[in-house]
Protein backbone atom coordinates (compact mmCIF):
# COMPACT_ATOMS: atom_id res chain seq x y z
CA MET A 1 0.05 0.03 -0.05
CA PHE A 2 1.09 3.48 -0.87
CA GLY A 3 4.51 2.22 -1.95
CA HIS A 4 5.61 1.07 1.37
CA ARG A 5 6.35 -2.58 2.29
CA ARG A 6 3.30 -4.16 3.77
CA ARG A 7 3.61 -5.92 7.05
CA GLU A 8 2.15 -9.45 7.63
CA TRP A 9 0.07 -9.14 10.33
CA ASN A 10 -1.72 -11.89 12.31
CA ILE A 11 -4.31 -12.48 9.74
CA VAL A 12 -6.92 -14.24 12.41
CA LEU A 13 -6.76 -11.37 14.61
CA THR A 14 -6.90 -8.71 11.94
CA SER A 15 -10.07 -10.49 10.55
CA ARG A 16 -11.67 -10.51 13.81
CA ILE A 17 -10.93 -6.73 14.46
CA ILE A 18 -12.16 -5.97 11.10
CA PHE A 19 -15.53 -7.96 11.15
CA PHE A 20 -16.06 -6.83 14.70
CA LEU A 21 -15.79 -3.06 13.44
CA LEU A 22 -17.88 -3.52 10.41
CA LYS A 23 -20.62 -5.20 12.31
CA THR A 24 -20.41 -2.43 15.00
CA HIS A 25 -20.46 0.48 12.46
CA HIS A 26 -22.37 -1.21 9.54
CA HIS A 27 -24.90 1.70 9.19
CA GLN A 28 -22.39 4.51 9.38
CA ILE A 29 -20.14 2.83 6.75
CA VAL A 30 -22.91 1.95 4.37
CA ALA A 31 -23.93 5.62 4.55
CA ASN A 32 -20.63 7.14 4.02
CA ARG A 33 -19.20 6.71 0.39
CA VAL A 34 -15.63 7.78 1.45
CA MET A 35 -15.52 5.03 4.10
CA ARG A 36 -16.84 2.43 1.56
CA THR A 37 -14.18 3.21 -0.92
CA ALA A 38 -11.40 3.16 1.76
CA LEU A 39 -12.63 -0.46 2.50
CA ILE A 40 -11.99 -1.71 -1.10
CA PRO A 41 -8.12 -2.12 -0.64
CA LEU A 42 -8.75 -3.51 2.89
CA ARG A 43 -10.84 -6.20 1.43
CA ARG A 44 -8.42 -6.92 -1.35
CA ASN A 45 -5.41 -7.19 0.98
CA LEU A 46 -7.46 -9.49 3.56
CA ARG A 47 -8.62 -11.80 0.71
CA GLU A 48 -4.90 -12.07 -0.49
CA GLY A 49 -3.69 -12.82 3.15
CA LEU A 50 -6.53 -15.41 3.57
CA ARG A 51 -5.58 -17.00 0.26
CA ARG A 52 -1.77 -17.13 1.09
CA GLN A 53 -2.69 -18.71 4.61
CA LYS A 54 -5.05 -21.19 2.96
CA ASP A 55 -2.39 -22.19 0.27
CA THR A 56 0.17 -22.62 3.24
CA ILE A 57 -2.29 -24.68 5.42
CA GLY A 58 -3.22 -27.05 2.15
CA TYR A 59 0.52 -27.53 1.57
CA ASN A 60 1.24 -28.39 5.11
CA LEU A 61 -1.83 -30.71 5.38
CA ALA A 62 -0.65 -32.57 2.07
CA ALA A 63 2.91 -33.11 3.49
CA LEU A 64 1.38 -34.32 6.89
CA ARG A 65 -0.90 -36.69 4.86
CA PHE A 66 2.20 -37.94 2.91
CA ILE A 67 4.20 -38.53 5.98
CA GLN A 68 1.34 -40.54 7.51
CA ARG A 69 1.10 -42.73 4.45
CA GLN A 70 4.80 -43.38 4.56
CA THR A 71 4.79 -44.25 8.34
CA ASP A 72 1.86 -46.50 8.00
CA ALA A 73 3.62 -48.44 5.09
CA LYS A 74 6.80 -48.68 7.05
CA ARG A 75 4.91 -49.98 10.23
CA THR A 76 3.02 -52.48 7.94
CA ALA A 77 6.23 -53.65 6.42
CA GLU A 78 7.91 -54.04 9.78
CA PHE A 79 5.05 -55.95 11.22
CA TYR A 80 4.94 -58.43 8.51
CA GLU A 81 8.75 -58.70 8.31
CA GLN A 82 8.69 -59.87 11.83
CA GLU A 83 6.53 -62.81 10.97
CA GLU A 84 8.47 -65.84 9.99
CA ASP A 85 7.94 -67.91 6.82
CA LEU A 86 5.52 -65.51 5.26
CA THR A 87 5.27 -65.65 1.46
CA GLU A 88 4.00 -62.70 -0.45
CA GLU A 89 0.76 -64.56 -0.93
CA LYS A 90 0.19 -65.14 2.90
CA VAL A 91 0.80 -61.43 3.41
CA ARG A 92 -1.83 -60.62 0.94
CA GLU A 93 -4.13 -62.90 2.73
CA LYS A 94 -3.51 -61.31 5.93
CA ILE A 95 -4.21 -57.98 4.66
CA ALA A 96 -7.36 -58.97 2.93
CA GLU A 97 -8.42 -60.56 6.46
CA GLY A 98 -7.76 -57.18 8.17
CA LYS A 99 -9.98 -55.23 5.73
CA LYS A 100 -12.82 -57.86 6.06
CA ARG A 101 -12.80 -57.49 9.96
CA LYS A 102 -15.21 -54.93 11.40
CA ARG A 103 -15.23 -53.64 14.98
CA VAL A 104 -18.36 -53.42 16.85
CA SER A 105 -18.86 -51.17 19.81
CA ILE A 106 -21.11 -52.56 22.44
CA LYS A 107 -22.70 -49.92 24.75
CA ALA A 108 -23.76 -51.15 28.24
């Protein structure tokens, strides 16, 4: 804004403050053309900040899911390696058995 380097503020706190002010002073803002036009850059900057944060969260979530899949695969491989005399066919059968079993919760 205005040729200066913009600061990255806490987007959640900033959003809460802005929405509180908009909600509280809605009628005055709507009635005043100058205030409405002043809010346009604020809206654009807020949307950009929220989009960047959403992209970062999405990227981190994808990385966490990837790590989880790797960990699950490693644990599964270690479990079946511990079993002696298991052939590939027996491993596939055990995996299929695990998929067929269902847990039932009984409430007293």
